[in-house]
Amino acid sequence: TLCRAYGSCDEEWQWSTTGWSRTMQLTHVQFLRFSSILTWLTMLLIGLGSEFLVGGAILHSMTEANTGRLTYRWHLIQFLFPLLAIVAFGEAANRSWLGLIFTVIALWKGGFPD
Protein backbone atom coordinates (compact mmCIF):
# COMPACT_ATOMS: atom_id res chain seq x y z
CA THR A 1 0.00 0.00 0.00
CA LEU A 2 0.97 3.66 -0.14
CA CYS A 3 1.89 3.78 3.53
CA ARG A 4 4.42 0.97 3.28
CA ALA A 5 5.85 2.31 0.03
CA TYR A 6 6.47 5.82 1.33
CA GLY A 7 6.51 5.24 5.08
CA SER A 8 4.36 8.29 5.77
CA CYS A 9 1.35 6.70 7.51
CA ASP A 10 1.02 5.41 11.04
CA GLU A 11 -1.52 2.79 10.11
CA GLU A 12 -2.45 0.86 7.02
CA TRP A 13 -4.41 2.99 4.56
CA GLN A 14 -6.99 1.34 2.31
CA TRP A 15 -8.97 2.60 -0.64
CA SER A 16 -12.68 2.67 0.02
CA THR A 17 -14.58 1.38 -2.97
CA THR A 18 -18.14 0.45 -3.73
CA GLY A 19 -17.26 -2.53 -5.89
CA TRP A 20 -14.48 -4.53 -7.46
CA SER A 21 -12.28 -3.67 -10.41
CA ARG A 22 -9.17 -5.14 -12.01
CA THR A 23 -7.06 -2.15 -10.98
CA MET A 24 -7.67 -2.94 -7.31
CA GLN A 25 -5.32 -5.90 -7.67
CA LEU A 26 -2.43 -3.74 -8.92
CA THR A 27 0.37 -2.51 -6.71
CA HIS A 28 1.11 1.20 -6.57
CA VAL A 29 3.93 0.93 -9.11
CA GLN A 30 1.84 -1.24 -11.44
CA PHE A 31 -1.02 1.26 -11.25
CA LEU A 32 1.37 4.13 -12.09
CA ARG A 33 2.62 2.20 -15.12
CA PHE A 34 -0.94 1.38 -16.18
CA SER A 35 -2.11 4.99 -15.85
CA SER A 36 1.00 6.28 -17.66
CA ILE A 37 0.45 3.96 -20.61
CA LEU A 38 -3.25 4.82 -20.71
CA THR A 39 -2.45 8.54 -20.63
CA TRP A 40 0.15 8.15 -23.38
CA LEU A 41 -2.29 6.24 -25.61
CA THR A 42 -5.01 8.82 -25.00
CA MET A 43 -2.70 11.69 -25.92
CA LEU A 44 -1.50 9.84 -29.00
CA LEU A 45 -5.02 9.13 -30.24
CA ILE A 46 -6.25 12.66 -29.53
CA GLY A 47 -3.24 14.14 -31.33
CA LEU A 48 -3.58 11.90 -34.37
CA GLY A 49 -7.33 12.44 -34.43
CA SER A 50 -6.95 16.21 -34.33
CA GLU A 51 -4.38 16.09 -37.11
CA PHE A 52 -6.68 13.96 -39.26
CA LEU A 53 -9.79 16.04 -38.54
CA VAL A 54 -8.33 19.55 -38.41
CA GLY A 55 -5.58 18.86 -40.93
CA GLY A 56 -8.01 17.17 -43.31
CA ALA A 57 -10.44 20.07 -43.05
CA ILE A 58 -7.62 22.54 -43.64
CA LEU A 59 -6.33 20.72 -46.69
CA HIS A 60 -9.87 20.29 -48.04
CA SER A 61 -10.72 23.98 -47.62
CA MET A 62 -7.49 25.37 -49.04
CA THR A 63 -8.20 27.73 -51.87
CA GLU A 64 -6.43 30.78 -53.20
CA ALA A 65 -8.77 33.04 -51.20
CA ASN A 66 -8.06 31.66 -47.72
CA THR A 67 -4.45 30.46 -48.06
CA GLY A 68 -3.19 33.65 -46.42
CA ARG A 69 -5.48 33.21 -43.42
CA LEU A 70 -4.41 29.57 -42.97
CA THR A 71 -0.74 30.55 -43.30
CA TYR A 72 -1.25 33.15 -40.55
CA ARG A 73 -2.85 30.53 -38.27
CA TRP A 74 -0.02 28.08 -38.98
CA HIS A 75 2.60 30.72 -38.11
CA LEU A 76 0.64 31.60 -34.95
CA ILE A 77 0.59 28.00 -33.69
CA GLN A 78 4.30 27.67 -34.53
CA PHE A 79 4.94 30.85 -32.52
CA LEU A 80 2.84 29.61 -29.56
CA PHE A 81 4.55 26.19 -29.46
CA PRO A 82 7.31 27.17 -26.98
CA LEU A 83 4.82 28.92 -24.69
CA LEU A 84 2.47 25.93 -24.71
CA ALA A 85 5.38 23.57 -24.05
CA ILE A 86 6.57 25.68 -21.09
CA VAL A 87 3.06 25.72 -19.62
CA ALA A 88 2.80 21.95 -20.13
CA PHE A 89 6.13 21.36 -18.35
CA GLY A 90 5.16 23.71 -15.54
CA GLU A 91 1.86 21.94 -14.99
CA ALA A 92 3.63 18.57 -15.11
CA ALA A 93 6.07 19.78 -12.45
CA ASN A 94 3.06 20.60 -10.27
CA ARG A 95 1.55 17.17 -11.06
CA SER A 96 -1.51 18.73 -12.65
CA TRP A 97 -3.51 16.91 -15.33
CA LEU A 98 -4.15 20.29 -16.97
CA GLY A 99 -0.67 20.01 -18.48
CA LEU A 100 -1.85 17.18 -20.73
CA ILE A 101 -4.13 19.55 -22.65
CA PHE A 102 -1.26 21.93 -23.35
CA THR A 103 1.02 19.00 -24.23
CA VAL A 104 -1.39 17.69 -26.86
CA ILE A 105 -1.90 21.14 -28.39
CA ALA A 106 1.83 21.89 -28.36
CA LEU A 107 3.16 18.58 -29.63
CA TRP A 108 0.52 18.16 -32.33
CA LYS A 109 0.67 21.89 -33.22
CA GLY A 110 -3.06 22.45 -33.03
CA GLY A 111 -3.84 19.78 -35.61
CA PHE A 112 -1.96 21.45 -38.45
CA PRO A 113 -0.14 18.89 -40.59
CA ASP A 114 3.60 19.54 -40.96
C-alpha atoms as a PDB file:
ATOM      1  CA  THR A   1       0.000   0.000   0.000  1.00  0.00           C
ATOM      2  CA  LEU A   2       0.968   3.661  -0.143  1.00  0.00           C
ATOM      3  CA  CYS A   3       1.893   3.778   3.535  1.00  0.00           C
ATOM      4  CA  ARG A   4       4.415   0.974   3.284  1.00  0.00           C
ATOM      5  CA  ALA A   5       5.846   2.307   0.027  1.00  0.00           C
ATOM      6  CA  TYR A   6       6.465   5.820   1.331  1.00  0.00           C
ATOM      7  CA  GLY A   7       6.511   5.237   5.083  1.00  0.00           C
ATOM      8  CA  SER A   8       4.363   8.286   5.771  1.00  0.00           C
ATOM      9  CA  CYS A   9       1.350   6.698   7.507  1.00  0.00           C
ATOM     10  CA  ASP A  10       1.025   5.407  11.036  1.00  0.00           C
ATOM     11  CA  GLU A  11      -1.523   2.793  10.114  1.00  0.00           C
ATOM     12  CA  GLU A  12      -2.452   0.863   7.021  1.00  0.00           C
ATOM     13  CA  TRP A  13      -4.407   2.987   4.556  1.00  0.00           C
ATOM     14  CA  GLN A  14      -6.990   1.339   2.313  1.00  0.00           C
ATOM     15  CA  TRP A  15      -8.968   2.596  -0.642  1.00  0.00           C
ATOM     16  CA  SER A  16     -12.678   2.669   0.019  1.00  0.00           C
ATOM     17  CA  THR A  17     -14.581   1.380  -2.969  1.00  0.00           C
ATOM     18  CA  THR A  18     -18.135   0.448  -3.731  1.00  0.00           C
ATOM     19  CA  GLY A  19     -17.261  -2.529  -5.895  1.00  0.00           C
ATOM     20  CA  TRP A  20     -14.479  -4.530  -7.456  1.00  0.00           C
ATOM     21  CA  SER A  21     -12.283  -3.666 -10.412  1.00  0.00           C
ATOM     22  CA  ARG A  22      -9.172  -5.139 -12.006  1.00  0.00           C
ATOM     23  CA  THR A  23      -7.065  -2.154 -10.982  1.00  0.00           C
ATOM     24  CA  MET A  24      -7.673  -2.938  -7.313  1.00  0.00           C
ATOM     25  CA  GLN A  25      -5.315  -5.900  -7.669  1.00  0.00           C
ATOM     26  CA  LEU A  26      -2.429  -3.736  -8.915  1.00  0.00           C
ATOM     27  CA  THR A  27       0.372  -2.514  -6.711  1.00  0.00           C
ATOM     28  CA  HIS A  28       1.106   1.199  -6.571  1.00  0.00           C
ATOM     29  CA  VAL A  29       3.928   0.934  -9.112  1.00  0.00           C
ATOM     30  CA  GLN A  30       1.842  -1.237 -11.438  1.00  0.00           C
ATOM     31  CA  PHE A  31      -1.020   1.259 -11.248  1.00  0.00           C
ATOM     32  CA  LEU A  32       1.372   4.126 -12.089  1.00  0.00           C
ATOM     33  CA  ARG A  33       2.618   2.195 -15.117  1.00  0.00           C
ATOM     34  CA  PHE A  34      -0.944   1.382 -16.178  1.00  0.00           C
ATOM     35  CA  SER A  35      -2.113   4.994 -15.852  1.00  0.00           C
ATOM     36  CA  SER A  36       1.003   6.282 -17.656  1.00  0.00           C
ATOM     37  CA  ILE A  37       0.454   3.955 -20.615  1.00  0.00           C
ATOM     38  CA  LEU A  38      -3.248   4.818 -20.708  1.00  0.00           C
ATOM     39  CA  THR A  39      -2.449   8.539 -20.631  1.00  0.00           C
ATOM     40  CA  TRP A  40       0.148   8.147 -23.384  1.00  0.00           C
ATOM     41  CA  LEU A  41      -2.293   6.240 -25.614  1.00  0.00           C
ATOM     42  CA  THR A  42      -5.007   8.816 -24.998  1.00  0.00           C
ATOM     43  CA  MET A  43      -2.698  11.695 -25.920  1.00  0.00           C
ATOM     44  CA  LEU A  44      -1.499   9.844 -29.005  1.00  0.00           C
ATOM     45  CA  LEU A  45      -5.022   9.128 -30.245  1.00  0.00           C
ATOM     46  CA  ILE A  46      -6.247  12.664 -29.530  1.00  0.00           C
ATOM     47  CA  GLY A  47      -3.239  14.139 -31.326  1.00  0.00           C
ATOM     48  CA  LEU A  48      -3.582  11.904 -34.371  1.00  0.00           C
ATOM     49  CA  GLY A  49      -7.333  12.444 -34.428  1.00  0.00           C
ATOM     50  CA  SER A  50      -6.949  16.209 -34.329  1.00  0.00           C
ATOM     51  CA  GLU A  51      -4.384  16.091 -37.107  1.00  0.00           C
ATOM     52  CA  PHE A  52      -6.683  13.961 -39.264  1.00  0.00           C
ATOM     53  CA  LEU A  53      -9.791  16.038 -38.535  1.00  0.00           C
ATOM     54  CA  VAL A  54      -8.331  19.550 -38.409  1.00  0.00           C
ATOM     55  CA  GLY A  55      -5.585  18.863 -40.934  1.00  0.00           C
ATOM     56  CA  GLY A  56      -8.006  17.174 -43.307  1.00  0.00           C
ATOM     57  CA  ALA A  57     -10.441  20.070 -43.047  1.00  0.00           C
ATOM     58  CA  ILE A  58      -7.625  22.543 -43.644  1.00  0.00           C
ATOM     59  CA  LEU A  59      -6.334  20.717 -46.693  1.00  0.00           C
ATOM     60  CA  HIS A  60      -9.867  20.289 -48.042  1.00  0.00           C
ATOM     61  CA  SER A  61     -10.721  23.978 -47.623  1.00  0.00           C
ATOM     62  CA  MET A  62      -7.486  25.366 -49.043  1.00  0.00           C
ATOM     63  CA  THR A  63      -8.201  27.734 -51.867  1.00  0.00           C
ATOM     64  CA  GLU A  64      -6.432  30.781 -53.202  1.00  0.00           C
ATOM     65  CA  ALA A  65      -8.765  33.036 -51.198  1.00  0.00           C
ATOM     66  CA  ASN A  66      -8.061  31.662 -47.718  1.00  0.00           C
ATOM     67  CA  THR A  67      -4.455  30.459 -48.058  1.00  0.00           C
ATOM     68  CA  GLY A  68      -3.187  33.651 -46.422  1.00  0.00           C
ATOM     69  CA  ARG A  69      -5.480  33.207 -43.420  1.00  0.00           C
ATOM     70  CA  LEU A  70      -4.409  29.570 -42.972  1.00  0.00           C
ATOM     71  CA  THR A  71      -0.743  30.549 -43.302  1.00  0.00           C
ATOM     72  CA  TYR A  72      -1.254  33.149 -40.549  1.00  0.00           C
ATOM     73  CA  ARG A  73      -2.846  30.528 -38.270  1.00  0.00           C
ATOM     74  CA  TRP A  74      -0.024  28.080 -38.978  1.00  0.00           C
ATOM     75  CA  HIS A  75       2.596  30.717 -38.109  1.00  0.00           C
ATOM     76  CA  LEU A  76       0.644  31.596 -34.951  1.00  0.00           C
ATOM     77  CA  ILE A  77       0.594  27.998 -33.692  1.00  0.00           C
ATOM     78  CA  GLN A  78       4.305  27.673 -34.531  1.00  0.00           C
ATOM     79  CA  PHE A  79       4.940  30.849 -32.517  1.00  0.00           C
ATOM     80  CA  LEU A  80       2.844  29.612 -29.563  1.00  0.00           C
ATOM     81  CA  PHE A  81       4.550  26.191 -29.459  1.00  0.00           C
ATOM     82  CA  PRO A  82       7.307  27.166 -26.979  1.00  0.00           C
ATOM     83  CA  LEU A  83       4.817  28.918 -24.688  1.00  0.00           C
ATOM     84  CA  LEU A  84       2.466  25.927 -24.710  1.00  0.00           C
ATOM     85  CA  ALA A  85       5.381  23.571 -24.048  1.00  0.00           C
ATOM     86  CA  ILE A  86       6.573  25.680 -21.085  1.00  0.00           C
ATOM     87  CA  VAL A  87       3.061  25.717 -19.616  1.00  0.00           C
ATOM     88  CA  ALA A  88       2.800  21.945 -20.127  1.00  0.00           C
ATOM     89  CA  PHE A  89       6.128  21.358 -18.353  1.00  0.00           C
ATOM     90  CA  GLY A  90       5.157  23.711 -15.538  1.00  0.00           C
ATOM     91  CA  GLU A  91       1.861  21.937 -14.986  1.00  0.00           C
ATOM     92  CA  ALA A  92       3.629  18.565 -15.112  1.00  0.00           C
ATOM     93  CA  ALA A  93       6.068  19.779 -12.454  1.00  0.00           C
ATOM     94  CA  ASN A  94       3.065  20.599 -10.266  1.00  0.00           C
ATOM     95  CA  ARG A  95       1.552  17.174 -11.057  1.00  0.00           C
ATOM     96  CA  SER A  96      -1.512  18.730 -12.646  1.00  0.00           C
ATOM     97  CA  TRP A  97      -3.512  16.913 -15.327  1.00  0.00           C
ATOM     98  CA  LEU A  98      -4.145  20.291 -16.965  1.00  0.00           C
ATOM     99  CA  GLY A  99      -0.675  20.013 -18.477  1.00  0.00           C
ATOM    100  CA  LEU A 100      -1.855  17.185 -20.730  1.00  0.00           C
ATOM    101  CA  ILE A 101      -4.133  19.549 -22.653  1.00  0.00           C
ATOM    102  CA  PHE A 102      -1.255  21.926 -23.346  1.00  0.00           C
ATOM    103  CA  THR A 103       1.017  18.997 -24.226  1.00  0.00           C
ATOM    104  CA  VAL A 104      -1.393  17.693 -26.865  1.00  0.00           C
ATOM    105  CA  ILE A 105      -1.901  21.142 -28.391  1.00  0.00           C
ATOM    106  CA  ALA A 106       1.829  21.892 -28.360  1.00  0.00           C
ATOM    107  CA  LEU A 107       3.155  18.581 -29.631  1.00  0.00           C
ATOM    108  CA  TRP A 108       0.523  18.164 -32.327  1.00  0.00           C
ATOM    109  CA  LYS A 109       0.669  21.894 -33.217  1.00  0.00           C
ATOM    110  CA  GLY A 110      -3.065  22.453 -33.034  1.00  0.00           C
ATOM    111  CA  GLY A 111      -3.836  19.776 -35.612  1.00  0.00           C
ATOM    112  CA  PHE A 112      -1.961  21.451 -38.449  1.00  0.00           C
ATOM    113  CA  PRO A 113      -0.140  18.892 -40.592  1.00  0.00           C
ATOM    114  CA  ASP A 114       3.595  19.543 -40.959  1.00  0.00           C
END
